[in-house]
Amino acid sequence: MFGSLDLDWHQFVEVDQRLIRPEELNSLKGDSTKLRKTIGWEPEYTFETMLDEMIDFWMVEFKGKPATNTTTP
């Protein structure tokens, strides 16, 4: 999201090391392969297009105009 808005996330995100769990997983991923094969399901949106829609919504809400560097499905 920060990249879509041409922002450096380091300027906005603060990490409190006291809240980091020692067994935290670095990467979680879902796999829809079984669902796709079993019932032929396909996602309507990619994660990126969902974020783009969220960015556009809030750009209009706060500034009254859509973001110029986002895409829609």
Protein backbone atom coordinates (compact mmCIF):
# COMPACT_ATOMS: atom_id res chain seq x y z
CA MET A 1 0.00 0.00 0.00
CA PHE A 2 2.79 2.39 0.86
CA GLY A 3 4.39 1.72 -2.53
CA SER A 4 1.12 2.45 -4.33
CA LEU A 5 0.99 5.82 -2.58
CA ASP A 6 4.70 6.47 -3.16
CA LEU A 7 5.38 6.58 0.59
CA ASP A 8 8.25 5.16 2.66
CA TRP A 9 6.66 2.85 5.25
CA HIS A 10 9.60 3.43 7.60
CA GLN A 11 8.30 6.96 8.15
CA PHE A 12 4.88 5.71 9.34
CA VAL A 13 5.33 2.29 10.99
CA GLU A 14 6.72 1.85 14.47
CA VAL A 15 7.62 -1.57 15.90
CA ASP A 16 7.42 -2.16 19.64
CA GLN A 17 9.85 -5.02 20.29
CA ARG A 18 8.03 -5.84 23.55
CA LEU A 19 5.06 -6.98 21.49
CA ILE A 20 6.97 -9.31 19.15
CA ARG A 21 6.23 -12.94 19.97
CA PRO A 22 9.33 -15.17 20.05
CA GLU A 23 7.69 -17.85 17.87
CA GLU A 24 6.24 -15.39 15.33
CA LEU A 25 5.99 -16.82 11.82
CA ASN A 26 7.69 -14.66 9.22
CA SER A 27 5.41 -15.67 6.39
CA LEU A 28 1.88 -17.08 6.33
CA LYS A 29 0.36 -18.11 3.02
CA GLY A 30 -2.99 -19.53 2.07
CA ASP A 31 -3.32 -22.12 -0.68
CA SER A 32 -6.61 -22.28 -2.58
CA THR A 33 -5.46 -25.11 -4.87
CA LYS A 34 -7.82 -27.72 -3.37
CA LEU A 35 -10.79 -25.38 -3.59
CA ARG A 36 -9.94 -24.45 -7.18
CA LYS A 37 -9.59 -28.11 -8.23
CA THR A 38 -12.62 -29.39 -6.29
CA ILE A 39 -15.27 -26.83 -7.25
CA GLY A 40 -13.54 -24.75 -9.91
CA TRP A 41 -13.48 -21.62 -7.77
CA GLU A 42 -11.43 -18.66 -8.99
CA PRO A 43 -10.83 -15.47 -7.00
CA GLU A 44 -12.58 -12.33 -8.24
CA TYR A 45 -9.83 -10.05 -6.93
CA THR A 46 -6.13 -10.34 -6.35
CA PHE A 47 -4.75 -9.07 -3.08
CA GLU A 48 -3.23 -6.14 -4.98
CA THR A 49 -6.49 -5.14 -6.69
CA MET A 50 -8.28 -5.28 -3.33
CA LEU A 51 -5.67 -2.89 -1.87
CA ASP A 52 -6.01 -0.62 -4.91
CA GLU A 53 -9.76 -0.37 -4.35
CA MET A 54 -9.21 0.43 -0.68
CA ILE A 55 -6.70 3.15 -1.60
CA ASP A 56 -9.08 4.67 -4.15
CA PHE A 57 -11.94 4.68 -1.64
CA TRP A 58 -9.94 6.49 1.04
CA MET A 59 -8.38 8.92 -1.45
CA VAL A 60 -11.90 9.99 -2.45
CA GLU A 61 -13.05 10.02 1.17
CA PHE A 62 -10.18 12.20 2.39
CA LYS A 63 -9.15 14.20 -0.67
CA GLY A 64 -12.13 13.99 -3.00
CA LYS A 65 -10.22 12.35 -5.85
CA PRO A 66 -9.11 8.81 -6.83
CA ALA A 67 -5.44 7.86 -6.63
CA THR A 68 -3.75 8.04 -10.03
CA ASN A 69 -1.33 5.11 -9.74
CA THR A 70 -3.70 2.28 -8.75
CA THR A 71 -5.39 -0.34 -10.91
CA THR A 72 -8.81 -1.94 -10.80
CA PRO A 73 -9.86 -5.46 -11.86
